[in-house]
PDB file of N, CA and C in Angstrom:
ATOM      1  N   UNK A   1      27.344  32.004  30.805  1.00  0.00           N
ATOM      2  CA  UNK A   1      26.289  32.980  30.575  1.00  0.00           C
ATOM      3  C   UNK A   1      26.562  34.185  31.202  1.00  0.00           C
ATOM      4  N   UNK A   2      25.781  35.376  30.204  1.00  0.00           N
ATOM      5  CA  UNK A   2      26.514  36.384  30.500  1.00  0.00           C
ATOM      6  C   UNK A   2      24.922  37.604  30.078  1.00  0.00           C
ATOM      7  N   UNK A   3      24.368  36.743  31.371  1.00  0.00           N
ATOM      8  CA  UNK A   3      23.051  37.612  31.695  1.00  0.00           C
ATOM      9  C   UNK A   3      23.281  39.013  32.846  1.00  0.00           C
ATOM     10  N   UNK A   4      23.196  39.984  32.508  1.00  0.00           N
ATOM     11  CA  UNK A   4      22.737  41.154  33.380  1.00  0.00           C
ATOM     12  C   UNK A   4      22.103  41.950  32.752  1.00  0.00           C
ATOM     13  N   UNK A   5      22.127  42.285  34.821  1.00  0.00           N
ATOM     14  CA  UNK A   5      21.008  43.549  35.220  1.00  0.00           C
ATOM     15  C   UNK A   5      21.368  44.614  36.189  1.00  0.00           C
ATOM     16  N   UNK A   6      20.939  45.505  35.831  1.00  0.00           N
ATOM     17  CA  UNK A   6      21.095  47.168  36.457  1.00  0.00           C
ATOM     18  C   UNK A   6      20.494  47.141  37.860  1.00  0.00           C
ATOM     19  N   UNK A   7      20.770  47.546  38.556  1.00  0.00           N
ATOM     20  CA  UNK A   7      19.807  47.722  39.767  1.00  0.00           C
ATOM     21  C   UNK A   7      18.497  48.824  39.595  1.00  0.00           C
ATOM     22  N   UNK A   8      17.176  48.229  40.709  1.00  0.00           N
ATOM     23  CA  UNK A   8      15.865  48.441  40.420  1.00  0.00           C
ATOM     24  C   UNK A   8      15.902  50.169  40.209  1.00  0.00           C
ATOM     25  N   UNK A   9      16.017  50.639  39.576  1.00  0.00           N
ATOM     26  CA  UNK A   9      16.221  52.668  39.716  1.00  0.00           C
ATOM     27  C   UNK A   9      15.135  52.996  39.263  1.00  0.00           C
ATOM     28  N   UNK A  10      14.378  52.607  37.606  1.00  0.00           N
ATOM     29  CA  UNK A  10      13.575  52.972  36.951  1.00  0.00           C
ATOM     30  C   UNK A  10      12.002  53.160  37.527  1.00  0.00           C
ATOM     31  N   UNK A  11      11.408  54.233  37.694  1.00  0.00           N
ATOM     32  CA  UNK A  11      10.265  54.393  38.221  1.00  0.00           C
ATOM     33  C   UNK A  11       9.020  53.446  36.674  1.00  0.00           C
ATOM     34  N   UNK A  12       8.559  53.108  37.308  1.00  0.00           N
ATOM     35  CA  UNK A  12       7.242  52.304  36.515  1.00  0.00           C
ATOM     36  C   UNK A  12       6.018  51.953  37.058  1.00  0.00           C
ATOM     37  N   UNK A  13       5.129  51.147  36.392  1.00  0.00           N
ATOM     38  CA  UNK A  13       4.217  50.906  37.286  1.00  0.00           C
ATOM     39  C   UNK A  13       3.844  50.104  38.441  1.00  0.00           C
ATOM     40  N   UNK A  14       2.530  50.195  38.722  1.00  0.00           N
ATOM     41  CA  UNK A  14       2.044  49.514  40.253  1.00  0.00           C
ATOM     42  C   UNK A  14       3.337  50.482  41.674  1.00  0.00           C
ATOM     43  N   UNK A  15       3.865  51.225  41.215  1.00  0.00           N
ATOM     44  CA  UNK A  15       4.709  52.390  42.272  1.00  0.00           C
ATOM     45  C   UNK A  15       6.087  51.645  42.387  1.00  0.00           C
ATOM     46  N   UNK A  16       6.321  50.314  41.400  1.00  0.00           N
ATOM     47  CA  UNK A  16       7.684  49.522  41.880  1.00  0.00           C
ATOM     48  C   UNK A  16       9.038  50.548  41.085  1.00  0.00           C
ATOM     49  N   UNK A  17      10.222  49.923  41.395  1.00  0.00           N
ATOM     50  CA  UNK A  17      10.925  50.322  40.448  1.00  0.00           C
ATOM     51  C   UNK A  17      11.010  49.226  39.241  1.00  0.00           C
ATOM     52  N   UNK A  18      11.898  49.614  38.571  1.00  0.00           N
ATOM     53  CA  UNK A  18      11.783  48.526  37.222  1.00  0.00           C
ATOM     54  C   UNK A  18      13.563  48.216  36.765  1.00  0.00           C
ATOM     55  N   UNK A  19      14.287  47.636  36.937  1.00  0.00           N
ATOM     56  CA  UNK A  19      15.621  47.359  35.771  1.00  0.00           C
ATOM     57  C   UNK A  19      15.292  46.698  34.928  1.00  0.00           C
ATOM     58  N   UNK A  20      16.922  46.570  34.109  1.00  0.00           N
ATOM     59  CA  UNK A  20      16.855  46.050  32.966  1.00  0.00           C
ATOM     60  C   UNK A  20      17.491  44.955  32.910  1.00  0.00           C
ATOM     61  N   UNK A  21      16.706  43.655  32.174  1.00  0.00           N
ATOM     62  CA  UNK A  21      18.387  42.545  32.027  1.00  0.00           C
ATOM     63  C   UNK A  21      17.729  42.758  30.500  1.00  0.00           C
ATOM     64  N   UNK A  22      19.695  42.263  30.559  1.00  0.00           N
ATOM     65  CA  UNK A  22      19.594  41.741  28.839  1.00  0.00           C
ATOM     66  C   UNK A  22      21.124  40.784  28.811  1.00  0.00           C
ATOM     67  N   UNK A  23      21.262  39.882  27.507  1.00  0.00           N
ATOM     68  CA  UNK A  23      22.548  39.526  27.310  1.00  0.00           C
ATOM     69  C   UNK A  23      23.127  40.215  26.815  1.00  0.00           C
ATOM     70  N   UNK A  24      24.374  40.001  27.072  1.00  0.00           N
ATOM     71  CA  UNK A  24      25.725  40.451  25.448  1.00  0.00           C
ATOM     72  C   UNK A  24      26.247  39.119  25.018  1.00  0.00           C
ATOM     73  N   UNK A  25      25.229  38.110  24.987  1.00  0.00           N
ATOM     74  CA  UNK A  25      25.850  36.717  24.112  1.00  0.00           C
ATOM     75  C   UNK A  25      24.972  36.907  23.288  1.00  0.00           C
ATOM     76  N   UNK A  26      23.621  36.748  23.452  1.00  0.00           N
ATOM     77  CA  UNK A  26      22.209  36.155  22.286  1.00  0.00           C
ATOM     78  C   UNK A  26      21.195  36.436  23.501  1.00  0.00           C
ATOM     79  N   UNK A  27      20.042  37.157  21.930  1.00  0.00           N
ATOM     80  CA  UNK A  27      18.943  37.291  22.449  1.00  0.00           C
ATOM     81  C   UNK A  27      18.374  36.022  23.157  1.00  0.00           C
ATOM     82  N   UNK A  28      18.589  34.574  22.760  1.00  0.00           N
ATOM     83  CA  UNK A  28      18.465  33.818  22.669  1.00  0.00           C
ATOM     84  C   UNK A  28      18.302  33.523  24.434  1.00  0.00           C
ATOM     85  N   UNK A  29      19.304  33.156  25.041  1.00  0.00           N
ATOM     86  CA  UNK A  29      20.057  33.377  25.792  1.00  0.00           C
ATOM     87  C   UNK A  29      18.894  34.005  27.278  1.00  0.00           C
ATOM     88  N   UNK A  30      18.899  35.347  26.334  1.00  0.00           N
ATOM     89  CA  UNK A  30      18.336  36.839  26.833  1.00  0.00           C
ATOM     90  C   UNK A  30      16.804  35.665  27.305  1.00  0.00           C
ATOM     91  N   UNK A  31      16.159  35.410  26.168  1.00  0.00           N
ATOM     92  CA  UNK A  31      14.826  35.088  26.346  1.00  0.00           C
ATOM     93  C   UNK A  31      14.427  33.404  27.260  1.00  0.00           C
ATOM     94  N   UNK A  32      15.679  33.229  26.876  1.00  0.00           N
ATOM     95  CA  UNK A  32      15.286  31.325  28.073  1.00  0.00           C
ATOM     96  C   UNK A  32      15.643  32.325  29.131  1.00  0.00           C
ATOM     97  N   UNK A  33      16.162  33.042  29.865  1.00  0.00           N
ATOM     98  CA  UNK A  33      16.372  33.443  31.144  1.00  0.00           C
ATOM     99  C   UNK A  33      15.419  33.743  31.873  1.00  0.00           C
ATOM    100  N   UNK A  34      14.655  34.840  30.670  1.00  0.00           N
ATOM    101  CA  UNK A  34      13.868  35.042  31.450  1.00  0.00           C
ATOM    102  C   UNK A  34      12.722  34.432  31.403  1.00  0.00           C
ATOM    103  N   UNK A  35      12.427  33.609  30.877  1.00  0.00           N
ATOM    104  CA  UNK A  35      11.372  32.470  31.205  1.00  0.00           C
ATOM    105  C   UNK A  35      11.036  31.107  31.968  1.00  0.00           C
ATOM    106  N   UNK A  36      13.080  31.962  32.379  1.00  0.00           N
ATOM    107  CA  UNK A  36      13.027  30.480  33.971  1.00  0.00           C
ATOM    108  C   UNK A  36      13.067  31.884  35.640  1.00  0.00           C
ATOM    109  N   UNK A  37      13.057  32.923  34.489  1.00  0.00           N
ATOM    110  CA  UNK A  37      12.910  33.456  36.258  1.00  0.00           C
ATOM    111  C   UNK A  37      11.217  34.574  36.333  1.00  0.00           C
ATOM    112  N   UNK A  38      10.270  33.615  35.166  1.00  0.00           N
ATOM    113  CA  UNK A  38       8.881  33.578  34.944  1.00  0.00           C
ATOM    114  C   UNK A  38       9.014  35.425  34.741  1.00  0.00           C
ATOM    115  N   UNK A  39       9.396  35.874  33.574  1.00  0.00           N
ATOM    116  CA  UNK A  39       9.568  37.183  32.970  1.00  0.00           C
ATOM    117  C   UNK A  39       8.702  36.963  31.706  1.00  0.00           C
ATOM    118  N   UNK A  40       7.072  37.424  31.734  1.00  0.00           N
ATOM    119  CA  UNK A  40       6.318  37.188  31.000  1.00  0.00           C
ATOM    120  C   UNK A  40       6.584  37.621  29.205  1.00  0.00           C
ATOM    121  N   UNK A  41       6.841  37.187  28.271  1.00  0.00           N
ATOM    122  CA  UNK A  41       7.345  37.811  26.875  1.00  0.00           C
ATOM    123  C   UNK A  41       6.725  39.516  26.799  1.00  0.00           C
ATOM    124  N   UNK A  42       5.814  40.272  26.728  1.00  0.00           N
ATOM    125  CA  UNK A  42       5.760  41.059  26.762  1.00  0.00           C
ATOM    126  C   UNK A  42       5.879  42.027  27.226  1.00  0.00           C
ATOM    127  N   UNK A  43       6.717  41.827  28.508  1.00  0.00           N
ATOM    128  CA  UNK A  43       8.058  42.527  28.904  1.00  0.00           C
ATOM    129  C   UNK A  43       9.164  42.785  28.335  1.00  0.00           C
ATOM    130  N   UNK A  44       9.439  42.001  26.986  1.00  0.00           N
ATOM    131  CA  UNK A  44      10.009  42.662  26.200  1.00  0.00           C
ATOM    132  C   UNK A  44      10.375  43.178  25.280  1.00  0.00           C
ATOM    133  N   UNK A  45      11.827  44.284  24.994  1.00  0.00           N
ATOM    134  CA  UNK A  45      11.190  45.489  24.026  1.00  0.00           C
ATOM    135  C   UNK A  45      12.852  45.817  23.349  1.00  0.00           C
ATOM    136  N   UNK A  46      12.779  45.398  22.350  1.00  0.00           N
ATOM    137  CA  UNK A  46      13.670  45.704  21.338  1.00  0.00           C
ATOM    138  C   UNK A  46      15.342  44.918  22.405  1.00  0.00           C
ATOM    139  N   UNK A  47      15.858  44.859  23.209  1.00  0.00           N
ATOM    140  CA  UNK A  47      17.062  43.939  23.651  1.00  0.00           C
ATOM    141  C   UNK A  47      17.182  44.146  24.788  1.00  0.00           C
ATOM    142  N   UNK A  48      16.032  44.059  25.261  1.00  0.00           N
ATOM    143  CA  UNK A  48      15.971  44.285  27.617  1.00  0.00           C
ATOM    144  C   UNK A  48      14.294  43.958  27.386  1.00  0.00           C
ATOM    145  N   UNK A  49      14.985  42.908  29.026  1.00  0.00           N
ATOM    146  CA  UNK A  49      13.495  43.178  29.321  1.00  0.00           C
ATOM    147  C   UNK A  49      12.978  43.604  30.415  1.00  0.00           C
ATOM    148  N   UNK A  50      12.042  44.721  30.285  1.00  0.00           N
ATOM    149  CA  UNK A  50      11.595  45.134  31.636  1.00  0.00           C
ATOM    150  C   UNK A  50      11.709  44.459  33.135  1.00  0.00           C
ATOM    151  N   UNK A  51      11.708  44.610  34.412  1.00  0.00           N
ATOM    152  CA  UNK A  51      11.875  43.476  35.500  1.00  0.00           C
ATOM    153  C   UNK A  51      11.748  44.014  36.639  1.00  0.00           C
ATOM    154  N   UNK A  52      10.881  43.543  37.213  1.00  0.00           N
ATOM    155  CA  UNK A  52      10.202  44.454  38.903  1.00  0.00           C
ATOM    156  C   UNK A  52      10.974  44.588  39.076  1.00  0.00           C
ATOM    157  N   UNK A  53      11.666  45.718  40.776  1.00  0.00           N
ATOM    158  CA  UNK A  53      12.670  45.669  41.775  1.00  0.00           C
ATOM    159  C   UNK A  53      12.693  43.768  42.384  1.00  0.00           C
ATOM    160  N   UNK A  54      10.853  43.179  42.602  1.00  0.00           N
ATOM    161  CA  UNK A  54      10.442  42.098  43.097  1.00  0.00           C
ATOM    162  C   UNK A  54      11.158  40.775  43.082  1.00  0.00           C
ATOM    163  N   UNK A  55      11.256  40.537  41.461  1.00  0.00           N
ATOM    164  CA  UNK A  55      12.516  39.706  40.486  1.00  0.00           C
ATOM    165  C   UNK A  55      13.995  39.567  40.554  1.00  0.00           C
ATOM    166  N   UNK A  56      13.978  40.895  41.100  1.00  0.00           N
ATOM    167  CA  UNK A  56      16.024  41.381  41.375  1.00  0.00           C
ATOM    168  C   UNK A  56      16.886  40.335  41.934  1.00  0.00           C
ATOM    169  N   UNK A  57      16.371  39.954  42.728  1.00  0.00           N
ATOM    170  CA  UNK A  57      17.770  38.766  43.947  1.00  0.00           C
ATOM    171  C   UNK A  57      17.003  37.791  43.355  1.00  0.00           C
ATOM    172  N   UNK A  58      15.963  37.437  43.214  1.00  0.00           N
ATOM    173  CA  UNK A  58      16.111  36.029  42.164  1.00  0.00           C
ATOM    174  C   UNK A  58      16.466  36.189  40.760  1.00  0.00           C
ATOM    175  N   UNK A  59      16.500  37.483  39.769  1.00  0.00           N
ATOM    176  CA  UNK A  59      17.624  36.900  38.798  1.00  0.00           C
ATOM    177  C   UNK A  59      19.198  36.515  39.447  1.00  0.00           C
ATOM    178  N   UNK A  60      19.305  37.475  40.271  1.00  0.00           N
ATOM    179  CA  UNK A  60      21.246  37.474  40.789  1.00  0.00           C
ATOM    180  C   UNK A  60      21.498  35.572  41.243  1.00  0.00           C
ATOM    181  N   UNK A  61      20.131  34.946  42.060  1.00  0.00           N
ATOM    182  CA  UNK A  61      20.560  33.476  42.083  1.00  0.00           C
ATOM    183  C   UNK A  61      20.814  33.225  41.377  1.00  0.00           C
ATOM    184  N   UNK A  62      19.822  33.173  39.955  1.00  0.00           N
ATOM    185  CA  UNK A  62      19.718  32.903  38.977  1.00  0.00           C
ATOM    186  C   UNK A  62      21.154  32.529  38.219  1.00  0.00           C
ATOM    187  N   UNK A  63      21.676  33.378  38.534  1.00  0.00           N
ATOM    188  CA  UNK A  63      23.228  34.261  37.313  1.00  0.00           C
ATOM    189  C   UNK A  63      23.489  34.682  36.982  1.00  0.00           C
ATOM    190  N   UNK A  64      22.216  36.100  37.158  1.00  0.00           N
ATOM    191  CA  UNK A  64      22.372  36.993  36.051  1.00  0.00           C
ATOM    192  C   UNK A  64      23.332  37.774  37.245  1.00  0.00           C
ATOM    193  N   UNK A  65      24.525  38.849  36.631  1.00  0.00           N
ATOM    194  CA  UNK A  65      25.266  39.338  36.304  1.00  0.00           C
ATOM    195  C   UNK A  65      24.759  41.181  36.825  1.00  0.00           C
ATOM    196  N   UNK A  66      25.227  41.309  38.418  1.00  0.00           N
ATOM    197  CA  UNK A  66      24.859  42.973  39.294  1.00  0.00           C
ATOM    198  C   UNK A  66      25.798  43.593  38.158  1.00  0.00           C
ATOM    199  N   UNK A  67      24.821  44.383  36.708  1.00  0.00           N
ATOM    200  CA  UNK A  67      26.181  46.433  37.024  1.00  0.00           C
ATOM    201  C   UNK A  67      25.015  47.190  36.682  1.00  0.00           C
ATOM    202  N   UNK A  68      26.347  48.299  36.105  1.00  0.00           N
ATOM    203  CA  UNK A  68      25.620  49.600  36.507  1.00  0.00           C
ATOM    204  C   UNK A  68      24.851  49.954  35.362  1.00  0.00           C
ATOM    205  N   UNK A  69      23.878  50.556  34.870  1.00  0.00           N
ATOM    206  CA  UNK A  69      23.103  50.877  34.100  1.00  0.00           C
ATOM    207  C   UNK A  69      24.354  51.473  32.168  1.00  0.00           C
ATOM    208  N   UNK A  70      25.348  52.523  33.382  1.00  0.00           N
ATOM    209  CA  UNK A  70      26.366  51.991  32.368  1.00  0.00           C
ATOM    210  C   UNK A  70      26.846  51.520  31.422  1.00  0.00           C
ATOM    211  N   UNK A  71      27.166  50.375  32.159  1.00  0.00           N
ATOM    212  CA  UNK A  71      28.392  48.989  32.409  1.00  0.00           C
ATOM    213  C   UNK A  71      27.013  48.475  30.741  1.00  0.00           C
ATOM    214  N   UNK A  72      25.692  48.049  32.245  1.00  0.00           N
ATOM    215  CA  UNK A  72      25.006  47.055  31.068  1.00  0.00           C
ATOM    216  C   UNK A  72      24.842  47.626  29.757  1.00  0.00           C
ATOM    217  N   UNK A  73      24.454  49.322  29.036  1.00  0.00           N
ATOM    218  CA  UNK A  73      24.328  50.224  27.694  1.00  0.00           C
ATOM    219  C   UNK A  73      26.044  49.687  26.629  1.00  0.00           C
ATOM    220  N   UNK A  74      26.444  49.353  27.181  1.00  0.00           N
ATOM    221  CA  UNK A  74      27.767  49.158  26.414  1.00  0.00           C
ATOM    222  C   UNK A  74      28.681  47.966  26.531  1.00  0.00           C
ATOM    223  N   UNK A  75      27.791  46.771  27.488  1.00  0.00           N
ATOM    224  CA  UNK A  75      28.581  45.911  26.695  1.00  0.00           C
ATOM    225  C   UNK A  75      27.002  45.463  26.228  1.00  0.00           C
ATOM    226  N   UNK A  76      26.151  45.609  26.301  1.00  0.00           N
ATOM    227  CA  UNK A  76      25.148  45.328  25.206  1.00  0.00           C
ATOM    228  C   UNK A  76      25.584  46.079  23.764  1.00  0.00           C
ATOM    229  N   UNK A  77      25.912  47.110  23.439  1.00  0.00           N
ATOM    230  CA  UNK A  77      26.068  47.710  22.863  1.00  0.00           C
ATOM    231  C   UNK A  77      27.483  46.931  21.983  1.00  0.00           C
ATOM    232  N   UNK A  78      28.335  46.635  22.936  1.00  0.00           N
ATOM    233  CA  UNK A  78      29.587  46.033  22.280  1.00  0.00           C
ATOM    234  C   UNK A  78      29.167  44.858  22.039  1.00  0.00           C
ATOM    235  N   UNK A  79      28.412  43.771  22.054  1.00  0.00           N
ATOM    236  CA  UNK A  79      28.015  42.975  21.780  1.00  0.00           C
ATOM    237  C   UNK A  79      26.946  43.374  20.211  1.00  0.00           C
ATOM    238  N   UNK A  80      27.372  43.931  19.734  1.00  0.00           N
ATOM    239  CA  UNK A  80      26.393  43.778  18.742  1.00  0.00           C
ATOM    240  C   UNK A  80      24.603  44.110  19.009  1.00  0.00           C
ATOM    241  N   UNK A  81      23.954  43.742  20.163  1.00  0.00           N
ATOM    242  CA  UNK A  81      23.119  43.829  20.418  1.00  0.00           C
ATOM    243  C   UNK A  81      21.907  44.260  20.784  1.00  0.00           C
ATOM    244  N   UNK A  82      23.033  45.802  20.608  1.00  0.00           N
ATOM    245  CA  UNK A  82      21.685  46.945  21.079  1.00  0.00           C
ATOM    246  C   UNK A  82      20.533  47.397  19.751  1.00  0.00           C
ATOM    247  N   UNK A  83      19.760  47.249  20.052  1.00  0.00           N
ATOM    248  CA  UNK A  83      18.398  48.104  19.479  1.00  0.00           C
ATOM    249  C   UNK A  83      17.930  49.392  19.724  1.00  0.00           C
ATOM    250  N   UNK A  84      18.167  50.283  19.425  1.00  0.00           N
ATOM    251  CA  UNK A  84      17.578  51.548  19.864  1.00  0.00           C
ATOM    252  C   UNK A  84      16.596  51.684  19.334  1.00  0.00           C
ATOM    253  N   UNK A  85      15.165  52.879  19.672  1.00  0.00           N
ATOM    254  CA  UNK A  85      14.520  52.507  18.898  1.00  0.00           C
ATOM    255  C   UNK A  85      14.251  53.376  17.815  1.00  0.00           C
ATOM    256  N   UNK A  86      13.336  53.286  16.844  1.00  0.00           N
ATOM    257  CA  UNK A  86      13.691  54.517  15.802  1.00  0.00           C
ATOM    258  C   UNK A  86      13.009  55.491  16.179  1.00  0.00           C
ATOM    259  N   UNK A  87      12.878  56.034  15.727  1.00  0.00           N
ATOM    260  CA  UNK A  87      12.636  58.392  15.682  1.00  0.00           C
ATOM    261  C   UNK A  87      12.055  58.139  14.266  1.00  0.00           C
ATOM    262  N   UNK A  88      11.259  58.522  14.200  1.00  0.00           N
ATOM    263  CA  UNK A  88      10.443  59.080  13.024  1.00  0.00           C
ATOM    264  C   UNK A  88       9.691  60.261  12.844  1.00  0.00           C
ATOM    265  N   UNK A  89      10.429  60.994  11.746  1.00  0.00           N
ATOM    266  CA  UNK A  89       9.691  62.010  11.621  1.00  0.00           C
ATOM    267  C   UNK A  89       8.270  62.373  12.051  1.00  0.00           C
ATOM    268  N   UNK A  90       7.787  63.772  12.185  1.00  0.00           N
ATOM    269  CA  UNK A  90       6.701  64.267  13.048  1.00  0.00           C
ATOM    270  C   UNK A  90       5.732  63.769  11.251  1.00  0.00           C
ATOM    271  N   UNK A  91       4.106  63.235  11.436  1.00  0.00           N
ATOM    272  CA  UNK A  91       3.253  62.711  10.981  1.00  0.00           C
ATOM    273  C   UNK A  91       3.909  61.896  10.043  1.00  0.00           C
ATOM    274  N   UNK A  92       5.029  60.753   9.819  1.00  0.00           N
ATOM    275  CA  UNK A  92       5.353  59.372   9.415  1.00  0.00           C
ATOM    276  C   UNK A  92       4.392  58.568  10.073  1.00  0.00           C
ATOM    277  N   UNK A  93       3.599  58.516   9.080  1.00  0.00           N
ATOM    278  CA  UNK A  93       3.287  56.370   9.316  1.00  0.00           C
ATOM    279  C   UNK A  93       4.190  55.607  10.320  1.00  0.00           C
ATOM    280  N   UNK A  94       3.555  54.814  11.517  1.00  0.00           N
ATOM    281  CA  UNK A  94       4.443  53.797  11.845  1.00  0.00           C
ATOM    282  C   UNK A  94       4.374  52.094  11.551  1.00  0.00           C
TER     283      UNK A  94
END
């Protein structure tokens, strides 16, 4: 299993810090892990889950590997699983 989590460092809702949860193996593995962690599907964004600091330790206990944000992106990209946000020209419908 290659589920990765970066440190909770991103400010987000409810005044919490947030982490990114990814897999460098498959999106299916990521969805399975997130379900076991109790993360709702709505937290999924293109190639990662946004997870609050309150689940960080539990993610590690379930087997996620703690990595830096830089390493997380590098491994996601190397695996071919990185999905960047599409930037549309101003005025173009989504």
